[in-house]
Amino acid sequence: RYIVDLIAGHGYITICPDFFKGTDPWKTTDHWADFADWMKAHDPM
């Protein structure tokens, strides 16, 4: 959100959509062993 505000300050309408569509982001308390599965469900492609 800081980055969004920073770019807007340079004169752009700046928007950060929830690309996870309401599903849980990765949390600092999550276990890295589950990361591959999480990535399958959140494909950046």
All heavy atoms as atom14 arrays in JSON, in Angstrom:
{
  "sequence": "RYIVDLIAGHGYITICPDFFKGTDPWKTTDHWADFADWMKAHDPM",
  "atom14_mask": [
    [1, 1, 1, 1, 1, 1, 1, 1, 1, 1, 1, 0, 0, 0],
    [1, 1, 1, 1, 1, 1, 1, 1, 1, 1, 1, 1, 0, 0],
    [1, 1, 1, 1, 1, 1, 1, 1, 0, 0, 0, 0, 0, 0],
    [1, 1, 1, 1, 1, 1, 1, 0, 0, 0, 0, 0, 0, 0],
    [1, 1, 1, 1, 1, 1, 1, 1, 0, 0, 0, 0, 0, 0],
    [1, 1, 1, 1, 1, 1, 1, 1, 0, 0, 0, 0, 0, 0],
    [1, 1, 1, 1, 1, 1, 1, 1, 0, 0, 0, 0, 0, 0],
    [1, 1, 1, 1, 1, 0, 0, 0, 0, 0, 0, 0, 0, 0],
    [1, 1, 1, 1, 0, 0, 0, 0, 0, 0, 0, 0, 0, 0],
    [1, 1, 1, 1, 1, 1, 1, 1, 1, 1, 0, 0, 0, 0],
    [1, 1, 1, 1, 0, 0, 0, 0, 0, 0, 0, 0, 0, 0],
    [1, 1, 1, 1, 1, 1, 1, 1, 1, 1, 1, 1, 0, 0],
    [1, 1, 1, 1, 1, 1, 1, 1, 0, 0, 0, 0, 0, 0],
    [1, 1, 1, 1, 1, 1, 1, 0, 0, 0, 0, 0, 0, 0],
    [1, 1, 1, 1, 1, 1, 1, 1, 0, 0, 0, 0, 0, 0],
    [1, 1, 1, 1, 1, 1, 0, 0, 0, 0, 0, 0, 0, 0],
    [1, 1, 1, 1, 1, 1, 1, 0, 0, 0, 0, 0, 0, 0],
    [1, 1, 1, 1, 1, 1, 1, 1, 0, 0, 0, 0, 0, 0],
    [1, 1, 1, 1, 1, 1, 1, 1, 1, 1, 1, 0, 0, 0],
    [1, 1, 1, 1, 1, 1, 1, 1, 1, 1, 1, 0, 0, 0],
    [1, 1, 1, 1, 1, 1, 1, 1, 1, 0, 0, 0, 0, 0],
    [1, 1, 1, 1, 0, 0, 0, 0, 0, 0, 0, 0, 0, 0],
    [1, 1, 1, 1, 1, 1, 1, 0, 0, 0, 0, 0, 0, 0],
    [1, 1, 1, 1, 1, 1, 1, 1, 0, 0, 0, 0, 0, 0],
    [1, 1, 1, 1, 1, 1, 1, 0, 0, 0, 0, 0, 0, 0],
    [1, 1, 1, 1, 1, 1, 1, 1, 1, 1, 1, 1, 1, 1],
    [1, 1, 1, 1, 1, 1, 1, 1, 1, 0, 0, 0, 0, 0],
    [1, 1, 1, 1, 1, 1, 1, 0, 0, 0, 0, 0, 0, 0],
    [1, 1, 1, 1, 1, 1, 1, 0, 0, 0, 0, 0, 0, 0],
    [1, 1, 1, 1, 1, 1, 1, 1, 0, 0, 0, 0, 0, 0],
    [1, 1, 1, 1, 1, 1, 1, 1, 1, 1, 0, 0, 0, 0],
    [1, 1, 1, 1, 1, 1, 1, 1, 1, 1, 1, 1, 1, 1],
    [1, 1, 1, 1, 1, 0, 0, 0, 0, 0, 0, 0, 0, 0],
    [1, 1, 1, 1, 1, 1, 1, 1, 0, 0, 0, 0, 0, 0],
    [1, 1, 1, 1, 1, 1, 1, 1, 1, 1, 1, 0, 0, 0],
    [1, 1, 1, 1, 1, 0, 0, 0, 0, 0, 0, 0, 0, 0],
    [1, 1, 1, 1, 1, 1, 1, 1, 0, 0, 0, 0, 0, 0],
    [1, 1, 1, 1, 1, 1, 1, 1, 1, 1, 1, 1, 1, 1],
    [1, 1, 1, 1, 1, 1, 1, 1, 0, 0, 0, 0, 0, 0],
    [1, 1, 1, 1, 1, 1, 1, 1, 1, 0, 0, 0, 0, 0],
    [1, 1, 1, 1, 1, 0, 0, 0, 0, 0, 0, 0, 0, 0],
    [1, 1, 1, 1, 1, 1, 1, 1, 1, 1, 0, 0, 0, 0],
    [1, 1, 1, 1, 1, 1, 1, 1, 0, 0, 0, 0, 0, 0],
    [1, 1, 1, 1, 1, 1, 1, 0, 0, 0, 0, 0, 0, 0],
    [1, 1, 1, 1, 1, 1, 1, 1, 0, 0, 0, 0, 0, 0]
  ],
  "atom14_positions": [
    [[0.85, -1.21, 0.0], [0.0, 0.0, 0.0], [0.88, 1.25, 0.0], [0.53, 2.26, -0.61], [-0.95, -0.03, 1.18], [-1.89, -1.22, 1.07], [-3.22, -1.02, 1.73], [-4.16, -1.99, 1.18], [-5.45, -2.01, 1.48], [-5.96, -1.12, 2.3], [-6.23, -2.9, 0.95], [0.0, 0.0, 0.0], [0.0, 0.0, 0.0], [0.0, 0.0, 0.0]],
    [[2.01, 1.15, 0.68], [2.96, 2.26, 0.67], [3.45, 2.51, -0.77], [3.54, 3.65, -1.21], [4.14, 1.94, 1.6], [5.28, 2.92, 1.48], [5.18, 4.2, 2.02], [6.45, 2.57, 0.8], [6.22, 5.11, 1.88], [7.49, 3.47, 0.67], [7.36, 4.74, 1.21], [8.38, 5.65, 1.07], [0.0, 0.0, 0.0], [0.0, 0.0, 0.0]],
    [[3.74, 1.44, -1.5], [4.21, 1.56, -2.89], [3.12, 2.19, -3.77], [3.4, 3.03, -4.61], [4.64, 0.18, -3.45], [5.91, -0.33, -2.74], [4.83, 0.23, -4.96], [7.2, 0.41, -3.07], [0.0, 0.0, 0.0], [0.0, 0.0, 0.0], [0.0, 0.0, 0.0], [0.0, 0.0, 0.0], [0.0, 0.0, 0.0], [0.0, 0.0, 0.0]],
    [[1.87, 1.77, -3.57], [0.75, 2.34, -4.34], [0.7, 3.85, -4.12], [0.62, 4.64, -5.07], [-0.59, 1.68, -3.93], [-1.78, 2.42, -4.53], [-0.63, 0.21, -4.36], [0.0, 0.0, 0.0], [0.0, 0.0, 0.0], [0.0, 0.0, 0.0], [0.0, 0.0, 0.0], [0.0, 0.0, 0.0], [0.0, 0.0, 0.0], [0.0, 0.0, 0.0]],
    [[0.77, 4.26, -2.86], [0.72, 5.69, -2.52], [1.91, 6.44, -3.11], [1.78, 7.57, -3.58], [0.67, 5.88, -1.0], [-0.62, 5.32, -0.38], [-1.52, 4.93, -1.15], [-0.72, 5.29, 0.86], [0.0, 0.0, 0.0], [0.0, 0.0, 0.0], [0.0, 0.0, 0.0], [0.0, 0.0, 0.0], [0.0, 0.0, 0.0], [0.0, 0.0, 0.0]],
    [[3.07, 5.8, -3.07], [4.3, 6.39, -3.6], [4.17, 6.67, -5.11], [4.5, 7.76, -5.57], [5.47, 5.43, -3.34], [6.87, 5.86, -3.76], [7.5, 6.7, -2.65], [7.75, 4.65, -4.04], [0.0, 0.0, 0.0], [0.0, 0.0, 0.0], [0.0, 0.0, 0.0], [0.0, 0.0, 0.0], [0.0, 0.0, 0.0], [0.0, 0.0, 0.0]],
    [[3.67, 5.7, -5.85], [3.51, 5.87, -7.3], [2.43, 6.92, -7.6], [2.6, 7.76, -8.49], [3.19, 4.52, -7.99], [4.38, 3.55, -7.84], [2.86, 4.71, -9.47], [4.11, 2.12, -8.3], [0.0, 0.0, 0.0], [0.0, 0.0, 0.0], [0.0, 0.0, 0.0], [0.0, 0.0, 0.0], [0.0, 0.0, 0.0], [0.0, 0.0, 0.0]],
    [[1.35, 6.91, -6.83], [0.29, 7.91, -7.01], [0.85, 9.32, -6.8], [0.47, 10.26, -7.5], [-0.86, 7.65, -6.04], [0.0, 0.0, 0.0], [0.0, 0.0, 0.0], [0.0, 0.0, 0.0], [0.0, 0.0, 0.0], [0.0, 0.0, 0.0], [0.0, 0.0, 0.0], [0.0, 0.0, 0.0], [0.0, 0.0, 0.0], [0.0, 0.0, 0.0]],
    [[1.78, 9.44, -5.86], [2.43, 10.73, -5.58], [3.22, 11.27, -6.76], [3.52, 12.46, -6.83], [0.0, 0.0, 0.0], [0.0, 0.0, 0.0], [0.0, 0.0, 0.0], [0.0, 0.0, 0.0], [0.0, 0.0, 0.0], [0.0, 0.0, 0.0], [0.0, 0.0, 0.0], [0.0, 0.0, 0.0], [0.0, 0.0, 0.0], [0.0, 0.0, 0.0]],
    [[3.53, 10.39, -7.72], [4.24, 10.82, -8.94], [3.27, 11.15, -10.07], [3.69, 11.38, -11.21], [5.24, 9.75, -9.38], [6.46, 9.7, -8.52], [7.57, 10.49, -8.76], [6.75, 8.99, -7.4], [8.48, 10.26, -7.84], [8.01, 9.35, -7.01], [0.0, 0.0, 0.0], [0.0, 0.0, 0.0], [0.0, 0.0, 0.0], [0.0, 0.0, 0.0]],
    [[1.97, 11.15, -9.76], [0.99, 11.61, -10.74], [0.24, 10.53, -11.51], [-0.18, 10.76, -12.64], [0.0, 0.0, 0.0], [0.0, 0.0, 0.0], [0.0, 0.0, 0.0], [0.0, 0.0, 0.0], [0.0, 0.0, 0.0], [0.0, 0.0, 0.0], [0.0, 0.0, 0.0], [0.0, 0.0, 0.0], [0.0, 0.0, 0.0], [0.0, 0.0, 0.0]],
    [[0.07, 9.35, -10.91], [-0.64, 8.26, -11.57], [-1.81, 7.78, -10.72], [-1.68, 7.68, -9.5], [0.31, 7.07, -11.81], [1.45, 7.4, -12.75], [2.65, 7.92, -12.25], [1.33, 7.22, -14.12], [3.69, 8.25, -13.1], [2.38, 7.55, -14.98], [3.55, 8.06, -14.47], [4.59, 8.4, -15.31], [0.0, 0.0, 0.0], [0.0, 0.0, 0.0]],
    [[-2.93, 7.47, -11.38], [-3.99, 6.74, -10.68], [-3.4, 5.36, -10.43], [-3.04, 4.67, -11.39], [-5.25, 6.59, -11.56], [-5.79, 7.96, -12.0], [-6.32, 5.78, -10.84], [-6.66, 7.89, -13.25], [0.0, 0.0, 0.0], [0.0, 0.0, 0.0], [0.0, 0.0, 0.0], [0.0, 0.0, 0.0], [0.0, 0.0, 0.0], [0.0, 0.0, 0.0]],
    [[-3.26, 4.96, -9.19], [-2.54, 3.71, -8.89], [-3.48, 2.76, -8.16], [-4.19, 3.17, -7.24], [-1.27, 4.0, -8.07], [-0.57, 5.08, -8.7], [-0.37, 2.79, -8.02], [0.0, 0.0, 0.0], [0.0, 0.0, 0.0], [0.0, 0.0, 0.0], [0.0, 0.0, 0.0], [0.0, 0.0, 0.0], [0.0, 0.0, 0.0], [0.0, 0.0, 0.0]],
    [[-3.48, 1.51, -8.6], [-4.44, 0.55, -8.07], [-3.77, -0.79, -7.78], [-2.98, -1.29, -8.59], [-5.63, 0.38, -9.05], [-6.7, -0.55, -8.48], [-5.16, -0.11, -10.43], [-8.03, -0.47, -9.25], [0.0, 0.0, 0.0], [0.0, 0.0, 0.0], [0.0, 0.0, 0.0], [0.0, 0.0, 0.0], [0.0, 0.0, 0.0], [0.0, 0.0, 0.0]],
    [[-4.05, -1.36, -6.62], [-3.57, -2.71, -6.29], [-4.79, -3.6, -6.05], [-5.42, -3.54, -5.0], [-2.69, -2.68, -5.04], [-2.1, -4.32, -4.57], [0.0, 0.0, 0.0], [0.0, 0.0, 0.0], [0.0, 0.0, 0.0], [0.0, 0.0, 0.0], [0.0, 0.0, 0.0], [0.0, 0.0, 0.0], [0.0, 0.0, 0.0], [0.0, 0.0, 0.0]],
    [[-5.14, -4.42, -7.05], [-6.28, -5.33, -6.89], [-5.88, -6.55, -6.05], [-4.7, -6.89, -5.97], [-6.59, -5.76, -8.32], [-5.65, -5.0, -9.21], [-4.52, -4.54, -8.37], [0.0, 0.0, 0.0], [0.0, 0.0, 0.0], [0.0, 0.0, 0.0], [0.0, 0.0, 0.0], [0.0, 0.0, 0.0], [0.0, 0.0, 0.0], [0.0, 0.0, 0.0]],
    [[-6.88, -7.19, -5.45], [-6.63, -8.44, -4.74], [-6.61, -9.57, -5.76], [-7.65, -10.14, -6.1], [-7.73, -8.67, -3.7], [-7.61, -10.02, -3.01], [-6.55, -10.66, -3.16], [-8.57, -10.44, -2.33], [0.0, 0.0, 0.0], [0.0, 0.0, 0.0], [0.0, 0.0, 0.0], [0.0, 0.0, 0.0], [0.0, 0.0, 0.0], [0.0, 0.0, 0.0]],
    [[-5.42, -9.89, -6.24], [-5.3, -10.96, -7.24], [-5.56, -12.34, -6.65], [-5.66, -13.31, -7.37], [-3.94, -10.9, -7.94], [-3.88, -9.9, -9.06], [-3.42, -8.61, -8.84], [-4.32, -10.23, -10.33], [-3.38, -7.67, -9.87], [-4.3, -9.3, -11.38], [-3.82, -8.02, -11.14], [0.0, 0.0, 0.0], [0.0, 0.0, 0.0], [0.0, 0.0, 0.0]],
    [[-5.67, -12.42, -5.32], [-6.01, -13.7, -4.67], [-7.52, -13.85, -4.5], [-7.98, -14.82, -3.9], [-5.3, -13.83, -3.32], [-3.79, -13.84, -3.41], [-3.01, -13.55, -2.3], [-3.14, -14.15, -4.6], [-1.61, -13.56, -2.37], [-1.75, -14.16, -4.68], [-1.0, -13.86, -3.56], [0.0, 0.0, 0.0], [0.0, 0.0, 0.0], [0.0, 0.0, 0.0]],
    [[-8.28, -12.88, -4.98], [-9.75, -12.95, -5.04], [-10.39, -13.37, -3.71], [-11.26, -14.23, -3.67], [-10.19, -13.91, -6.16], [-9.77, -13.45, -7.54], [-9.91, -14.53, -8.59], [-8.85, -15.6, -8.45], [-8.71, -16.46, -9.64], [0.0, 0.0, 0.0], [0.0, 0.0, 0.0], [0.0, 0.0, 0.0], [0.0, 0.0, 0.0], [0.0, 0.0, 0.0]],
    [[-9.92, -12.76, -2.63], [-10.53, -13.04, -1.33], [-10.0, -14.27, -0.62], [-10.32, -14.51, 0.54], [0.0, 0.0, 0.0], [0.0, 0.0, 0.0], [0.0, 0.0, 0.0], [0.0, 0.0, 0.0], [0.0, 0.0, 0.0], [0.0, 0.0, 0.0], [0.0, 0.0, 0.0], [0.0, 0.0, 0.0], [0.0, 0.0, 0.0], [0.0, 0.0, 0.0]],
    [[-9.18, -15.07, -1.29], [-8.58, -16.23, -0.62], [-7.4, -15.76, 0.22], [-6.9, -14.65, 0.04], [-8.09, -17.3, -1.63], [-7.03, -16.74, -2.41], [-9.23, -17.74, -2.54], [0.0, 0.0, 0.0], [0.0, 0.0, 0.0], [0.0, 0.0, 0.0], [0.0, 0.0, 0.0], [0.0, 0.0, 0.0], [0.0, 0.0, 0.0], [0.0, 0.0, 0.0]],
    [[-6.95, -16.59, 1.14], [-5.89, -16.19, 2.07], [-4.56, -15.99, 1.36], [-4.13, -16.84, 0.59], [-5.68, -17.26, 3.15], [-6.75, -17.17, 4.23], [-7.41, -16.1, 4.31], [-6.93, -18.13, 4.99], [0.0, 0.0, 0.0], [0.0, 0.0, 0.0], [0.0, 0.0, 0.0], [0.0, 0.0, 0.0], [0.0, 0.0, 0.0], [0.0, 0.0, 0.0]],
    [[-3.89, -14.87, 1.65], [-2.51, -14.73, 1.19], [-1.62, -15.66, 2.01], [-2.08, -16.29, 2.96], [-2.18, -13.26, 1.5], [-3.08, -12.89, 2.63], [-4.33, -13.73, 2.47], [0.0, 0.0, 0.0], [0.0, 0.0, 0.0], [0.0, 0.0, 0.0], [0.0, 0.0, 0.0], [0.0, 0.0, 0.0], [0.0, 0.0, 0.0], [0.0, 0.0, 0.0]],
    [[-0.35, -15.73, 1.65], [0.61, -16.47, 2.45], [0.83, -15.68, 3.75], [0.92, -14.45, 3.71], [1.92, -16.61, 1.69], [2.93, -17.45, 2.41], [4.01, -16.99, 3.11], [2.96, -18.86, 2.53], [4.7, -18.04, 3.64], [4.08, -19.21, 3.3], [2.13, -19.9, 2.06], [4.41, -20.53, 3.61], [2.46, -21.2, 2.36], [3.58, -21.51, 3.13]],
    [[0.87, -16.39, 4.87], [1.06, -15.71, 6.15], [2.41, -16.07, 6.74], [2.94, -17.14, 6.48], [-0.08, -16.07, 7.11], [-1.42, -15.51, 6.66], [-2.55, -15.82, 7.61], [-2.97, -17.29, 7.63], [-3.42, -17.79, 6.31], [0.0, 0.0, 0.0], [0.0, 0.0, 0.0], [0.0, 0.0, 0.0], [0.0, 0.0, 0.0], [0.0, 0.0, 0.0]],
    [[2.96, -15.18, 7.54], [4.28, -15.41, 8.13], [4.27, -16.63, 9.05], [5.3, -17.21, 9.32], [4.74, -14.18, 8.93], [3.68, -13.76, 9.77], [5.12, -13.05, 8.0], [0.0, 0.0, 0.0], [0.0, 0.0, 0.0], [0.0, 0.0, 0.0], [0.0, 0.0, 0.0], [0.0, 0.0, 0.0], [0.0, 0.0, 0.0], [0.0, 0.0, 0.0]],
    [[3.06, -17.01, 9.51], [2.95, -18.17, 10.4], [2.78, -19.48, 9.64], [2.8, -20.55, 10.23], [1.74, -17.98, 11.35], [0.61, -17.59, 10.55], [2.01, -16.9, 12.37], [0.0, 0.0, 0.0], [0.0, 0.0, 0.0], [0.0, 0.0, 0.0], [0.0, 0.0, 0.0], [0.0, 0.0, 0.0], [0.0, 0.0, 0.0], [0.0, 0.0, 0.0]],
    [[2.59, -19.4, 8.32], [2.43, -20.62, 7.51], [3.76, -21.38, 7.42], [4.82, -20.8, 7.61], [1.96, -20.26, 6.09], [0.52, -19.76, 6.07], [-0.2, -20.01, 7.05], [0.13, -19.11, 5.08], [0.0, 0.0, 0.0], [0.0, 0.0, 0.0], [0.0, 0.0, 0.0], [0.0, 0.0, 0.0], [0.0, 0.0, 0.0], [0.0, 0.0, 0.0]],
    [[3.67, -22.68, 7.11], [4.88, -23.5, 7.04], [5.37, -23.59, 5.59], [4.6, -23.88, 4.68], [4.6, -24.91, 7.59], [4.23, -24.88, 9.04], [5.15, -24.59, 10.02], [3.04, -25.04, 9.66], [4.53, -24.6, 11.19], [3.26, -24.86, 11.01], [0.0, 0.0, 0.0], [0.0, 0.0, 0.0], [0.0, 0.0, 0.0], [0.0, 0.0, 0.0]],
    [[6.69, -23.36, 5.42], [7.25, -23.36, 4.06], [7.08, -24.7, 3.35], [7.08, -24.75, 2.13], [8.72, -22.95, 4.1], [8.88, -21.49, 4.37], [9.42, -20.9, 5.49], [8.47, -20.39, 3.53], [9.36, -19.53, 5.38], [8.79, -19.18, 4.2], [7.87, -20.32, 2.27], [8.53, -17.92, 3.66], [7.61, -19.05, 1.73], [7.94, -17.88, 2.42]],
    [[6.91, -25.77, 4.13], [6.68, -27.09, 3.52], [5.4, -27.09, 2.68], [5.26, -27.86, 1.74], [6.6, -28.16, 4.61], [0.0, 0.0, 0.0], [0.0, 0.0, 0.0], [0.0, 0.0, 0.0], [0.0, 0.0, 0.0], [0.0, 0.0, 0.0], [0.0, 0.0, 0.0], [0.0, 0.0, 0.0], [0.0, 0.0, 0.0], [0.0, 0.0, 0.0]],
    [[4.46, -26.22, 3.02], [3.18, -26.15, 2.29], [3.21, -25.15, 1.14], [2.21, -24.97, 0.45], [2.05, -25.72, 3.26], [1.94, -26.67, 4.45], [2.19, -27.87, 4.26], [1.61, -26.2, 5.56], [0.0, 0.0, 0.0], [0.0, 0.0, 0.0], [0.0, 0.0, 0.0], [0.0, 0.0, 0.0], [0.0, 0.0, 0.0], [0.0, 0.0, 0.0]],
    [[4.36, -24.51, 0.94], [4.41, -23.4, -0.01], [4.11, -23.83, -1.45], [3.38, -23.14, -2.17], [5.78, -22.69, 0.06], [5.84, -21.44, -0.76], [5.05, -20.35, -0.43], [6.69, -21.33, -1.86], [5.08, -19.18, -1.19], [6.74, -20.17, -2.61], [5.94, -19.09, -2.28], [0.0, 0.0, 0.0], [0.0, 0.0, 0.0], [0.0, 0.0, 0.0]],
    [[4.64, -24.98, -1.85], [4.42, -25.46, -3.23], [2.93, -25.66, -3.51], [2.43, -25.28, -4.57], [5.2, -26.75, -3.47], [0.0, 0.0, 0.0], [0.0, 0.0, 0.0], [0.0, 0.0, 0.0], [0.0, 0.0, 0.0], [0.0, 0.0, 0.0], [0.0, 0.0, 0.0], [0.0, 0.0, 0.0], [0.0, 0.0, 0.0], [0.0, 0.0, 0.0]],
    [[2.22, -26.22, -2.54], [0.77, -26.43, -2.7], [0.04, -25.09, -2.75], [-0.89, -24.91, -3.56], [0.21, -27.27, -1.54], [0.62, -28.73, -1.64], [0.98, -29.16, -2.76], [0.62, -29.43, -0.61], [0.0, 0.0, 0.0], [0.0, 0.0, 0.0], [0.0, 0.0, 0.0], [0.0, 0.0, 0.0], [0.0, 0.0, 0.0], [0.0, 0.0, 0.0]],
    [[0.46, -24.18, -1.9], [-0.16, -22.85, -1.88], [0.03, -22.17, -3.24], [-0.89, -21.56, -3.79], [0.44, -22.01, -0.75], [-0.18, -20.65, -0.64], [-1.29, -20.29, 0.09], [0.26, -19.45, -1.31], [-1.57, -18.96, -0.09], [-0.64, -18.41, -0.95], [1.3, -19.16, -2.18], [-0.5, -17.11, -1.41], [1.43, -17.85, -2.66], [0.53, -16.85, -2.27]],
    [[1.25, -22.3, -3.79], [1.55, -21.7, -5.09], [0.7, -22.29, -6.22], [0.28, -21.58, -7.12], [3.03, -21.85, -5.45], [3.92, -20.76, -4.9], [3.62, -19.1, -5.58], [4.55, -19.14, -7.1], [0.0, 0.0, 0.0], [0.0, 0.0, 0.0], [0.0, 0.0, 0.0], [0.0, 0.0, 0.0], [0.0, 0.0, 0.0], [0.0, 0.0, 0.0]],
    [[0.42, -23.6, -6.13], [-0.43, -24.24, -7.15], [-1.81, -23.59, -7.16], [-2.43, -23.44, -8.2], [-0.55, -25.75, -6.88], [0.61, -26.54, -7.44], [0.29, -28.04, -7.43], [1.56, -28.86, -7.57], [2.08, -29.39, -6.32], [0.0, 0.0, 0.0], [0.0, 0.0, 0.0], [0.0, 0.0, 0.0], [0.0, 0.0, 0.0], [0.0, 0.0, 0.0]],
    [[-2.27, -23.23, -5.98], [-3.6, -22.61, -5.86], [-3.57, -21.1, -6.14], [-4.6, -20.47, -6.26], [-4.16, -22.88, -4.47], [0.0, 0.0, 0.0], [0.0, 0.0, 0.0], [0.0, 0.0, 0.0], [0.0, 0.0, 0.0], [0.0, 0.0, 0.0], [0.0, 0.0, 0.0], [0.0, 0.0, 0.0], [0.0, 0.0, 0.0], [0.0, 0.0, 0.0]],
    [[-2.37, -20.54, -6.2], [-2.21, -19.1, -6.47], [-1.18, -18.93, -7.58], [-0.04, -18.56, -7.34], [-1.75, -18.36, -5.21], [-2.68, -18.5, -4.05], [-2.69, -19.6, -3.23], [-3.64, -17.66, -3.57], [-3.62, -19.43, -2.29], [-4.21, -18.27, -2.48], [0.0, 0.0, 0.0], [0.0, 0.0, 0.0], [0.0, 0.0, 0.0], [0.0, 0.0, 0.0]],
    [[-1.61, -19.23, -8.8], [-0.67, -19.26, -9.93], [-0.51, -17.86, -10.53], [-1.48, -17.28, -11.02], [-1.21, -20.24, -10.98], [-0.27, -20.45, -12.15], [0.7, -19.67, -12.28], [-0.5, -21.38, -12.94], [0.0, 0.0, 0.0], [0.0, 0.0, 0.0], [0.0, 0.0, 0.0], [0.0, 0.0, 0.0], [0.0, 0.0, 0.0], [0.0, 0.0, 0.0]],
    [[0.72, -17.3, -10.51], [0.91, -15.96, -11.07], [0.74, -15.89, -12.59], [0.71, -14.8, -13.16], [2.34, -15.59, -10.66], [3.02, -16.88, -10.38], [1.97, -17.85, -9.94], [0.0, 0.0, 0.0], [0.0, 0.0, 0.0], [0.0, 0.0, 0.0], [0.0, 0.0, 0.0], [0.0, 0.0, 0.0], [0.0, 0.0, 0.0], [0.0, 0.0, 0.0]],
    [[0.62, -17.06, -13.24], [0.36, -17.08, -14.69], [-1.15, -17.05, -14.98], [-1.56, -17.1, -16.13], [0.91, -18.35, -15.34], [2.38, -18.62, -15.11], [3.38, -17.31, -15.78], [4.3, -16.88, -14.33], [0.0, 0.0, 0.0], [0.0, 0.0, 0.0], [0.0, 0.0, 0.0], [0.0, 0.0, 0.0], [0.0, 0.0, 0.0], [0.0, 0.0, 0.0]]
  ]
}
